Amino acid sequence: MRMKNLEFLKTILVNDDDPRFPIWLPIPALFVTLGWTFYAVTTSSIGFFESLIWPGSAIFFCTLVATWLGWQIDID
């Protein structure tokens, strides 16, 4: 059963012709993070850099991972 899962993961990943980490990949994460930061700053008394550091860093990381997985897994 475990071998079938590994084979399945190998077949859904994109081929080697595509880059594993394209240059545009952090852009969606940056937009989501900055959007959250501006929202948090305008709706509360939290400072810009405080919101950018936390939870902005977690939002950036999670969005980056989700974008990378969406790029790597060939969903057709």
N, C-alpha and C. Protein backbone atom coordinates (compact mmCIF):
# COMPACT_ATOMS: atom_id res chain seq x y z
N MET A 1 0.82 -1.19 0.00
CA MET A 1 0.00 0.00 0.00
C MET A 1 0.87 1.26 0.00
N ARG A 2 1.93 1.25 0.81
CA ARG A 2 2.80 2.41 0.88
C ARG A 2 3.48 2.66 -0.46
N MET A 3 3.86 1.60 -1.16
CA MET A 3 4.53 1.76 -2.44
C MET A 3 3.58 2.38 -3.47
N LYS A 4 2.31 2.04 -3.40
CA LYS A 4 1.35 2.63 -4.33
C LYS A 4 1.22 4.12 -4.08
N ASN A 5 1.25 4.52 -2.84
CA ASN A 5 1.17 5.95 -2.52
C ASN A 5 2.38 6.70 -3.04
N LEU A 6 3.56 6.13 -2.89
CA LEU A 6 4.77 6.79 -3.39
C LEU A 6 4.76 6.87 -4.91
N GLU A 7 4.32 5.83 -5.56
CA GLU A 7 4.23 5.85 -7.02
C GLU A 7 3.20 6.88 -7.48
N PHE A 8 2.11 6.99 -6.76
CA PHE A 8 1.09 7.99 -7.09
C PHE A 8 1.66 9.40 -6.98
N LEU A 9 2.41 9.67 -5.91
CA LEU A 9 3.02 10.99 -5.76
C LEU A 9 4.03 11.28 -6.85
N LYS A 10 4.77 10.27 -7.26
CA LYS A 10 5.75 10.47 -8.32
C LYS A 10 5.08 10.77 -9.65
N THR A 11 3.92 10.19 -9.89
CA THR A 11 3.25 10.40 -11.18
C THR A 11 2.53 11.74 -11.24
N ILE A 12 2.12 12.31 -10.10
CA ILE A 12 1.39 13.57 -10.17
C ILE A 12 2.30 14.79 -10.14
N LEU A 13 3.56 14.62 -9.83
CA LEU A 13 4.48 15.76 -9.84
C LEU A 13 4.81 16.13 -11.28
N VAL A 14 5.06 17.41 -11.51
CA VAL A 14 5.38 17.87 -12.86
C VAL A 14 6.70 17.28 -13.30
N ASN A 15 6.91 17.30 -14.61
CA ASN A 15 8.14 16.71 -15.14
C ASN A 15 9.34 17.62 -14.89
N ASP A 16 10.50 17.14 -15.26
CA ASP A 16 11.73 17.87 -14.97
C ASP A 16 11.95 19.08 -15.87
N ASP A 17 11.14 19.22 -16.93
CA ASP A 17 11.30 20.38 -17.80
C ASP A 17 10.85 21.67 -17.12
N ASP A 18 9.91 21.56 -16.20
CA ASP A 18 9.43 22.73 -15.48
C ASP A 18 10.34 23.01 -14.28
N PRO A 19 10.57 24.27 -13.97
CA PRO A 19 11.41 24.58 -12.80
C PRO A 19 10.69 24.21 -11.51
N ARG A 20 11.44 23.81 -10.52
CA ARG A 20 10.85 23.43 -9.23
C ARG A 20 10.42 24.64 -8.42
N PHE A 21 11.11 25.75 -8.56
CA PHE A 21 10.76 26.96 -7.82
C PHE A 21 10.89 28.16 -8.76
N PRO A 22 9.83 28.45 -9.54
CA PRO A 22 9.91 29.57 -10.48
C PRO A 22 10.05 30.91 -9.76
N ILE A 23 10.52 31.89 -10.49
CA ILE A 23 10.78 33.21 -9.90
C ILE A 23 9.49 33.90 -9.47
N TRP A 24 8.37 33.60 -10.09
CA TRP A 24 7.11 34.26 -9.78
C TRP A 24 6.39 33.65 -8.58
N LEU A 25 6.87 32.55 -8.07
CA LEU A 25 6.15 31.81 -7.04
C LEU A 25 5.89 32.59 -5.75
N PRO A 26 6.80 33.42 -5.26
CA PRO A 26 6.51 34.17 -4.02
C PRO A 26 5.55 35.35 -4.21
N ILE A 27 5.23 35.72 -5.45
CA ILE A 27 4.39 36.90 -5.68
C ILE A 27 2.99 36.75 -5.09
N PRO A 28 2.26 35.64 -5.31
CA PRO A 28 0.95 35.52 -4.66
C PRO A 28 1.03 35.58 -3.13
N ALA A 29 2.05 34.96 -2.57
CA ALA A 29 2.21 34.99 -1.11
C ALA A 29 2.48 36.41 -0.63
N LEU A 30 3.24 37.16 -1.39
CA LEU A 30 3.52 38.55 -1.03
C LEU A 30 2.25 39.40 -1.07
N PHE A 31 1.43 39.22 -2.11
CA PHE A 31 0.18 39.98 -2.21
C PHE A 31 -0.79 39.63 -1.07
N VAL A 32 -0.91 38.36 -0.74
CA VAL A 32 -1.81 37.96 0.34
C VAL A 32 -1.31 38.51 1.68
N THR A 33 -0.02 38.44 1.91
CA THR A 33 0.56 38.95 3.16
C THR A 33 0.38 40.45 3.28
N LEU A 34 0.68 41.18 2.22
CA LEU A 34 0.51 42.64 2.28
C LEU A 34 -0.96 43.02 2.39
N GLY A 35 -1.83 42.28 1.73
CA GLY A 35 -3.27 42.54 1.86
C GLY A 35 -3.74 42.35 3.28
N TRP A 36 -3.30 41.27 3.91
CA TRP A 36 -3.66 41.05 5.31
C TRP A 36 -3.09 42.14 6.22
N THR A 37 -1.87 42.53 5.97
CA THR A 37 -1.23 43.55 6.80
C THR A 37 -1.96 44.88 6.71
N PHE A 38 -2.29 45.30 5.49
CA PHE A 38 -3.03 46.56 5.33
C PHE A 38 -4.41 46.48 5.96
N TYR A 39 -5.06 45.34 5.85
CA TYR A 39 -6.37 45.16 6.49
C TYR A 39 -6.24 45.24 8.02
N ALA A 40 -5.25 44.57 8.56
CA ALA A 40 -5.06 44.57 10.01
C ALA A 40 -4.71 45.96 10.53
N VAL A 41 -3.92 46.70 9.77
CA VAL A 41 -3.52 48.04 10.20
C VAL A 41 -4.71 49.00 10.18
N THR A 42 -5.56 48.88 9.17
CA THR A 42 -6.68 49.82 9.06
C THR A 42 -7.84 49.48 10.00
N THR A 43 -7.95 48.24 10.43
CA THR A 43 -9.09 47.87 11.28
C THR A 43 -8.74 47.73 12.76
N SER A 44 -7.48 47.86 13.11
CA SER A 44 -7.11 47.75 14.52
C SER A 44 -5.98 48.72 14.82
N SER A 45 -5.54 48.71 16.05
CA SER A 45 -4.48 49.64 16.46
C SER A 45 -3.09 49.02 16.36
N ILE A 46 -2.99 47.87 15.73
CA ILE A 46 -1.69 47.20 15.60
C ILE A 46 -0.83 47.95 14.59
N GLY A 47 0.46 47.95 14.80
CA GLY A 47 1.38 48.62 13.90
C GLY A 47 1.63 47.83 12.63
N PHE A 48 2.12 48.53 11.60
CA PHE A 48 2.35 47.89 10.31
C PHE A 48 3.40 46.79 10.41
N PHE A 49 4.54 47.09 11.00
CA PHE A 49 5.61 46.10 11.06
C PHE A 49 5.29 44.95 12.01
N GLU A 50 4.54 45.24 13.06
CA GLU A 50 4.12 44.16 13.97
C GLU A 50 3.23 43.17 13.23
N SER A 51 2.30 43.69 12.44
CA SER A 51 1.40 42.81 11.69
C SER A 51 2.14 42.11 10.55
N LEU A 52 3.14 42.78 9.99
CA LEU A 52 3.91 42.16 8.91
C LEU A 52 4.75 41.00 9.43
N ILE A 53 5.30 41.15 10.63
CA ILE A 53 6.12 40.08 11.20
C ILE A 53 5.26 38.93 11.69
N TRP A 54 4.24 39.23 12.47
CA TRP A 54 3.32 38.18 12.91
C TRP A 54 1.91 38.71 12.87
N PRO A 55 1.01 38.13 12.20
CA PRO A 55 0.97 36.83 11.53
C PRO A 55 1.40 36.85 10.07
N GLY A 56 1.98 37.97 9.61
CA GLY A 56 2.37 38.08 8.21
C GLY A 56 3.34 37.01 7.76
N SER A 57 4.30 36.67 8.60
CA SER A 57 5.28 35.65 8.21
C SER A 57 4.62 34.28 8.07
N ALA A 58 3.69 33.96 8.94
CA ALA A 58 2.98 32.67 8.84
C ALA A 58 2.08 32.64 7.61
N ILE A 59 1.42 33.76 7.32
CA ILE A 59 0.57 33.84 6.13
C ILE A 59 1.42 33.69 4.88
N PHE A 60 2.58 34.35 4.84
CA PHE A 60 3.47 34.25 3.69
C PHE A 60 3.92 32.81 3.49
N PHE A 61 4.36 32.16 4.57
CA PHE A 61 4.85 30.79 4.46
C PHE A 61 3.76 29.83 4.01
N CYS A 62 2.58 29.92 4.61
CA CYS A 62 1.49 29.00 4.25
C CYS A 62 1.02 29.22 2.81
N THR A 63 0.93 30.48 2.38
CA THR A 63 0.53 30.76 1.01
C THR A 63 1.61 30.30 0.03
N LEU A 64 2.86 30.47 0.39
CA LEU A 64 3.95 30.01 -0.47
C LEU A 64 3.93 28.50 -0.62
N VAL A 65 3.71 27.78 0.46
CA VAL A 65 3.64 26.32 0.39
C VAL A 65 2.45 25.88 -0.45
N ALA A 66 1.30 26.51 -0.26
CA ALA A 66 0.11 26.15 -1.04
C ALA A 66 0.32 26.43 -2.52
N THR A 67 0.95 27.56 -2.84
CA THR A 67 1.23 27.88 -4.24
C THR A 67 2.23 26.91 -4.83
N TRP A 68 3.26 26.56 -4.07
CA TRP A 68 4.26 25.61 -4.56
C TRP A 68 3.65 24.24 -4.81
N LEU A 69 2.81 23.77 -3.88
CA LEU A 69 2.16 22.47 -4.07
C LEU A 69 1.22 22.51 -5.26
N GLY A 70 0.51 23.61 -5.44
CA GLY A 70 -0.35 23.74 -6.61
C GLY A 70 0.44 23.76 -7.90
N TRP A 71 1.66 24.28 -7.86
CA TRP A 71 2.51 24.31 -9.04
C TRP A 71 3.11 22.93 -9.31
N GLN A 72 3.50 22.22 -8.27
CA GLN A 72 4.18 20.95 -8.44
C GLN A 72 3.24 19.79 -8.76
N ILE A 73 2.04 19.81 -8.20
CA ILE A 73 1.11 18.71 -8.44
C ILE A 73 0.35 19.00 -9.71
N ASP A 74 0.43 18.10 -10.64
CA ASP A 74 -0.20 18.27 -11.95
C ASP A 74 -1.66 17.88 -11.84
N ILE A 75 -2.52 18.86 -11.65
CA ILE A 75 -3.95 18.59 -11.50
C ILE A 75 -4.63 18.86 -12.84
N ASP A 76 -5.06 17.82 -13.48
CA ASP A 76 -5.77 17.94 -14.77
C ASP A 76 -7.13 17.32 -14.69
